Structure formats: C-alpha cells, structure tokens
Amino acid sequence: MKNIFLSLLIFVVMSLLHAQLSDWEVGFLKLPGGSYGMFSLFMLIFCSIITGIGLLTVIIFRKNYYSILRIAILFEVIYLLFLIISGNNPFLYFYEATNENLLMIMVYGNAPVIFMIVYLIHLLYSKINSSSDKK
C-alpha cells in the first residue's frame, strides 16, 4: 500500500511541475492570452489523465514499482507517448519558426527537466533512508 501512496504523490508533484513550467513558458514566449491563457490548465488536465493511467499501472503491477525513480520513468514514458499520439510535432519549429511551434519543443523539453528534478529528489530520499537504517 505504501508504493501506491508514494506513486500518487510523485504523479501529483510531476503533474504540477509540468503545469507550472508550461505556464512559465507561455509567459516567456509572450503568446496571446486568448489562445494560450488556459494552456497550463490544459496541461494539468492532460497530466491528470496520465496520473490516472499511471496509478492504475502501479496498482496492477505493484511489485515492479517500488522506487521513486521507476514511478517517474513510468510517468514520463506515458507523458511522451501521449504527446506523440496527440499529434504535437516538435520538429515543426524547424519548418515554420513561430512561438507556437517553439512552445511544442518546450513542452517536450519539460520531460527531461522534470525527470532530473525528481531524480534529485530520489537521491535525497535514498540518502535519508540509508542514514535512518544505520541508526
């Protein structure tokens, strides 16, 4: 039961990080608020669907997802798979250089950035666990 709650926590944190980074990217690119003002909310809904699918996967394959790192990899694989399936082409920017197409590259680029943040959290978590085991 511990890994289900841990995975839910990791999924929620990663979803919020994706939504926040996409909000910062829209502001950085100065995209119009009428078209892209709700983009971060869309990303939050998108990541909530991924969270549901990932949580269902963790429940079904409970024995395989015991660490933060494996749960983060699962989230990012589903995230990138859904971006590819949804038709977002990150290479379109090289044919037509607009800020809207640059946003798609940045949305794909969020995945490794957030994975590295979660990896650092994993290192900190494992360091705390190893120090508490020695006592």
C-alpha atoms as a PDB file:
ATOM      1  CA  MET A   1       0.000   0.000   0.000  1.00  0.00           C
ATOM      2  CA  LYS A   2       2.981   2.273   0.611  1.00  0.00           C
ATOM      3  CA  ASN A   3       4.030   2.311  -3.038  1.00  0.00           C
ATOM      4  CA  ILE A   4       0.527   3.343  -4.173  1.00  0.00           C
ATOM      5  CA  PHE A   5       0.563   6.438  -1.967  1.00  0.00           C
ATOM      6  CA  LEU A   6       4.155   7.188  -2.934  1.00  0.00           C
ATOM      7  CA  SER A   7       3.315   6.881  -6.614  1.00  0.00           C
ATOM      8  CA  LEU A   8       0.266   9.120  -6.227  1.00  0.00           C
ATOM      9  CA  LEU A   9       2.428  11.739  -4.528  1.00  0.00           C
ATOM     10  CA  ILE A  10       5.073  11.555  -7.255  1.00  0.00           C
ATOM     11  CA  PHE A  11       2.447  11.721 -10.019  1.00  0.00           C
ATOM     12  CA  VAL A  12       0.785  14.778  -8.464  1.00  0.00           C
ATOM     13  CA  VAL A  13       4.111  16.565  -7.977  1.00  0.00           C
ATOM     14  CA  MET A  14       5.163  15.842 -11.555  1.00  0.00           C
ATOM     15  CA  SER A  15       1.780  16.974 -12.894  1.00  0.00           C
ATOM     16  CA  LEU A  16       2.005  20.255 -11.009  1.00  0.00           C
ATOM     17  CA  LEU A  17       5.566  20.791 -12.209  1.00  0.00           C
ATOM     18  CA  HIS A  18       4.516  20.217 -15.832  1.00  0.00           C
ATOM     19  CA  ALA A  19       1.632  22.665 -15.476  1.00  0.00           C
ATOM     20  CA  GLN A  20       3.833  25.307 -13.827  1.00  0.00           C
ATOM     21  CA  LEU A  21       6.623  25.022 -16.383  1.00  0.00           C
ATOM     22  CA  SER A  22       4.150  25.286 -19.256  1.00  0.00           C
ATOM     23  CA  ASP A  23       2.644  28.399 -17.658  1.00  0.00           C
ATOM     24  CA  TRP A  24       6.109  29.969 -17.389  1.00  0.00           C
ATOM     25  CA  GLU A  25       6.866  29.047 -20.993  1.00  0.00           C
ATOM     26  CA  VAL A  26       3.683  30.684 -22.295  1.00  0.00           C
ATOM     27  CA  GLY A  27       4.578  33.829 -20.373  1.00  0.00           C
ATOM     28  CA  PHE A  28       8.188  33.719 -21.560  1.00  0.00           C
ATOM     29  CA  LEU A  29       7.149  33.399 -25.211  1.00  0.00           C
ATOM     30  CA  LYS A  30       4.534  36.166 -24.790  1.00  0.00           C
ATOM     31  CA  LEU A  31       1.867  34.100 -26.509  1.00  0.00           C
ATOM     32  CA  PRO A  32      -1.610  35.659 -26.693  1.00  0.00           C
ATOM     33  CA  GLY A  33      -3.788  35.074 -23.644  1.00  0.00           C
ATOM     34  CA  GLY A  34      -6.879  34.382 -25.724  1.00  0.00           C
ATOM     35  CA  SER A  35      -5.334  31.359 -27.382  1.00  0.00           C
ATOM     36  CA  TYR A  36      -2.833  30.171 -24.770  1.00  0.00           C
ATOM     37  CA  GLY A  37      -4.100  31.609 -21.489  1.00  0.00           C
ATOM     38  CA  MET A  38      -5.534  28.271 -20.407  1.00  0.00           C
ATOM     39  CA  PHE A  39      -2.641  26.169 -21.686  1.00  0.00           C
ATOM     40  CA  SER A  40      -1.339  25.389 -18.201  1.00  0.00           C
ATOM     41  CA  LEU A  41      -4.819  24.215 -17.159  1.00  0.00           C
ATOM     42  CA  PHE A  42      -4.894  22.003 -20.250  1.00  0.00           C
ATOM     43  CA  MET A  43      -1.519  20.573 -19.241  1.00  0.00           C
ATOM     44  CA  LEU A  44      -2.822  19.934 -15.723  1.00  0.00           C
ATOM     45  CA  ILE A  45      -5.831  18.042 -17.120  1.00  0.00           C
ATOM     46  CA  PHE A  46      -3.533  16.192 -19.541  1.00  0.00           C
ATOM     47  CA  CYS A  47      -1.219  15.191 -16.692  1.00  0.00           C
ATOM     48  CA  SER A  48      -4.195  14.197 -14.513  1.00  0.00           C
ATOM     49  CA  ILE A  49      -5.206  11.670 -17.154  1.00  0.00           C
ATOM     50  CA  ILE A  50      -1.614  10.406 -17.204  1.00  0.00           C
ATOM     51  CA  THR A  51      -1.717  10.206 -13.396  1.00  0.00           C
ATOM     52  CA  GLY A  52      -4.829   8.047 -13.552  1.00  0.00           C
ATOM     53  CA  ILE A  53      -3.312   5.701 -16.108  1.00  0.00           C
ATOM     54  CA  GLY A  54      -0.012   5.560 -14.219  1.00  0.00           C
ATOM     55  CA  LEU A  55      -1.740   4.890 -10.903  1.00  0.00           C
ATOM     56  CA  LEU A  56      -3.735   2.084 -12.475  1.00  0.00           C
ATOM     57  CA  THR A  57      -0.494   0.641 -13.854  1.00  0.00           C
ATOM     58  CA  VAL A  58       1.151   0.828 -10.421  1.00  0.00           C
ATOM     59  CA  ILE A  59      -1.845  -0.907  -8.819  1.00  0.00           C
ATOM     60  CA  ILE A  60      -1.789  -3.708 -11.388  1.00  0.00           C
ATOM     61  CA  PHE A  61       1.999  -4.193 -11.335  1.00  0.00           C
ATOM     62  CA  ARG A  62       2.506  -3.385  -7.656  1.00  0.00           C
ATOM     63  CA  LYS A  63       5.712  -5.406  -7.208  1.00  0.00           C
ATOM     64  CA  ASN A  64       7.585  -3.648 -10.035  1.00  0.00           C
ATOM     65  CA  TYR A  65       7.091  -0.028  -8.953  1.00  0.00           C
ATOM     66  CA  TYR A  66       8.777   0.267  -5.581  1.00  0.00           C
ATOM     67  CA  SER A  67      11.059   3.279  -6.090  1.00  0.00           C
ATOM     68  CA  ILE A  68      10.589   6.932  -6.931  1.00  0.00           C
ATOM     69  CA  LEU A  69      12.786   6.569  -9.982  1.00  0.00           C
ATOM     70  CA  ARG A  70      10.691   3.807 -11.562  1.00  0.00           C
ATOM     71  CA  ILE A  71       7.493   5.736 -10.925  1.00  0.00           C
ATOM     72  CA  ALA A  72       8.986   8.877 -12.505  1.00  0.00           C
ATOM     73  CA  ILE A  73      10.122   6.904 -15.548  1.00  0.00           C
ATOM     74  CA  LEU A  74       6.614   5.471 -15.910  1.00  0.00           C
ATOM     75  CA  PHE A  75       5.080   8.961 -15.775  1.00  0.00           C
ATOM     76  CA  GLU A  76       7.482  10.419 -18.331  1.00  0.00           C
ATOM     77  CA  VAL A  77       7.090   7.489 -20.736  1.00  0.00           C
ATOM     78  CA  ILE A  78       3.303   7.831 -20.649  1.00  0.00           C
ATOM     79  CA  TYR A  79       3.617  11.635 -20.946  1.00  0.00           C
ATOM     80  CA  LEU A  80       5.844  11.466 -24.032  1.00  0.00           C
ATOM     81  CA  LEU A  81       3.735   8.707 -25.570  1.00  0.00           C
ATOM     82  CA  PHE A  82       0.577  10.782 -25.168  1.00  0.00           C
ATOM     83  CA  LEU A  83       2.272  13.846 -26.656  1.00  0.00           C
ATOM     84  CA  ILE A  84       3.300  11.833 -29.695  1.00  0.00           C
ATOM     85  CA  ILE A  85      -0.157  10.295 -30.076  1.00  0.00           C
ATOM     86  CA  SER A  86      -1.872  13.686 -29.735  1.00  0.00           C
ATOM     87  CA  GLY A  87      -0.093  14.907 -32.854  1.00  0.00           C
ATOM     88  CA  ASN A  88       2.233  17.512 -31.346  1.00  0.00           C
ATOM     89  CA  ASN A  89       5.206  17.664 -33.661  1.00  0.00           C
ATOM     90  CA  PRO A  90       8.263  19.225 -32.015  1.00  0.00           C
ATOM     91  CA  PHE A  91      10.154  19.386 -35.313  1.00  0.00           C
ATOM     92  CA  LEU A  92       7.575  21.693 -36.906  1.00  0.00           C
ATOM     93  CA  TYR A  93       9.510  24.646 -35.495  1.00  0.00           C
ATOM     94  CA  PHE A  94      12.355  23.964 -37.913  1.00  0.00           C
ATOM     95  CA  TYR A  95       9.976  24.347 -40.871  1.00  0.00           C
ATOM     96  CA  GLU A  96       7.995  27.289 -39.544  1.00  0.00           C
ATOM     97  CA  ALA A  97       9.722  29.278 -36.797  1.00  0.00           C
ATOM     98  CA  THR A  98       6.873  30.631 -34.679  1.00  0.00           C
ATOM     99  CA  ASN A  99       6.482  30.913 -30.938  1.00  0.00           C
ATOM    100  CA  GLU A 100       3.597  28.427 -31.011  1.00  0.00           C
ATOM    101  CA  ASN A 101       5.854  25.781 -32.529  1.00  0.00           C
ATOM    102  CA  LEU A 102       8.636  26.675 -30.084  1.00  0.00           C
ATOM    103  CA  LEU A 103       6.159  26.013 -27.270  1.00  0.00           C
ATOM    104  CA  MET A 104       5.769  22.436 -28.508  1.00  0.00           C
ATOM    105  CA  ILE A 105       9.545  21.931 -28.319  1.00  0.00           C
ATOM    106  CA  MET A 106       9.499  23.339 -24.801  1.00  0.00           C
ATOM    107  CA  VAL A 107       6.641  21.031 -23.776  1.00  0.00           C
ATOM    108  CA  TYR A 108       8.688  18.056 -24.936  1.00  0.00           C
ATOM    109  CA  GLY A 109      11.729  19.536 -23.185  1.00  0.00           C
ATOM    110  CA  ASN A 110       9.847  19.704 -19.889  1.00  0.00           C
ATOM    111  CA  ALA A 111      10.038  15.921 -19.576  1.00  0.00           C
ATOM    112  CA  PRO A 112      13.810  15.603 -19.044  1.00  0.00           C
ATOM    113  CA  VAL A 113      13.922  18.712 -16.843  1.00  0.00           C
ATOM    114  CA  ILE A 114      11.217  17.423 -14.527  1.00  0.00           C
ATOM    115  CA  PHE A 115      12.713  13.948 -14.565  1.00  0.00           C
ATOM    116  CA  MET A 116      16.029  15.392 -13.387  1.00  0.00           C
ATOM    117  CA  ILE A 117      14.239  17.250 -10.575  1.00  0.00           C
ATOM    118  CA  VAL A 118      12.539  14.047  -9.465  1.00  0.00           C
ATOM    119  CA  TYR A 119      15.844  12.179  -9.790  1.00  0.00           C
ATOM    120  CA  LEU A 120      17.435  14.637  -7.378  1.00  0.00           C
ATOM    121  CA  ILE A 121      14.507  14.077  -5.013  1.00  0.00           C
ATOM    122  CA  HIS A 122      15.104  10.334  -5.368  1.00  0.00           C
ATOM    123  CA  LEU A 123      18.759  10.751  -4.433  1.00  0.00           C
ATOM    124  CA  LEU A 124      17.806  12.807  -1.386  1.00  0.00           C
ATOM    125  CA  TYR A 125      15.122  10.287  -0.382  1.00  0.00           C
ATOM    126  CA  SER A 126      17.514   7.342  -0.697  1.00  0.00           C
ATOM    127  CA  LYS A 127      20.182   9.211   1.268  1.00  0.00           C
ATOM    128  CA  ILE A 128      17.698   9.870   4.099  1.00  0.00           C
ATOM    129  CA  ASN A 129      16.573   6.237   4.090  1.00  0.00           C
ATOM    130  CA  SER A 130      20.118   4.913   4.172  1.00  0.00           C
ATOM    131  CA  SER A 131      21.065   7.190   7.060  1.00  0.00           C
ATOM    132  CA  SER A 132      17.985   6.188   9.063  1.00  0.00           C
ATOM    133  CA  ASP A 133      18.769   2.483   8.503  1.00  0.00           C
ATOM    134  CA  LYS A 134      22.209   2.885  10.051  1.00  0.00           C
ATOM    135  CA  LYS A 135      20.800   4.134  13.355  1.00  0.00           C
END
